[in-house]
Amino acid sequence: MSNRIANAFAKGPALVCFITAGDGDTAANLDALVEAGADVIELGMPFTDPMADGPAIQSANLRSLGAGTTTADVLRYATEFRARHPNVPLVLMGYANPMVRRGPEWFAEAAAAAGVDGVICVDIPPEEDDALGPALRAKGIAPIRLATPTTDAARLPQVLSGSEGFLYYVSVAGITGKQQAQIASIEANVARIKQSTDIPVAVGFGVRTPEQAAEIARVADGVVVGSALVEVCGEYGADAPAHLKTLTAALALAVHSAR
């Protein structure tokens, strides 16, 4: 399944777009991202304590949970997305509790049945890979790891070991949406990581504008945008798809122009 991810990055810098499942009309929002040029979709699994996320995604989690969104709903959104978009990579992103509470094998099997290509679990460190990684790999799902500016040379091999699909480089030491790293820092860290791995490196956290996305696309394999899109969902509600299209199209043009 992760071949879809490889194909997306093979074209050049890829635009990776994140929204939270159950926050508004999820199907329409996902379709808007794809139609506007997103190369990879990250679908957030709502959770009560999203510790790595800033106010925008925290609020989206609360809206989604308030609407009654369950893990079963997230998997249904994924299944329906895969039927509509057979070739677009879909990654589930979230926290360990919803993923492992019924056992990692159950989650991996359900995600595979839904057509999921990769999983980002924010709070399972590489040292605890056994909690979920083997179950995902057994079903052909890429465990996508995170690296940060503080991931030093001693720890990087452990982060990369068993990492598949792409590496998510968190460009700031902090929560989503609140800060932006300097491009020189991003370029140096991406180059350092790429000396140790052949898998693509996508950069996220703090990317809000096409200008920022274009800068990063010149030095990385992909650009991840989340909070800016989630804010659109929160601001416009049922009317979000049209606004998501506008922003995503501008971001896609910026990223793809670096190809």
Foldseek 3Di string as FASTA:
>chain_A
DLVLLVVLLVLAAFEEEEAEPQLFPLLLQVVLLVVLFHQAYEYEYQDQCQPQADDLVNVSSVNRVVVPDAPVSVLVSLLVVCVVPVRGAYEYEEADCSCQVVHLLVNLVSNLNSVHAEYEHPPQALVNCVRHLVSNVVSNHFYEFEDELPCDPVRLVSRPVSGDSEHEYEDHDGHAPDDDHDLVSLLVVQVVSVVPDDGFYEYGGNDAALVSLLSNSLRGSYYYDYSNLSVLSVPPRNPSSVVSSVRSNSNSCSNSVSD
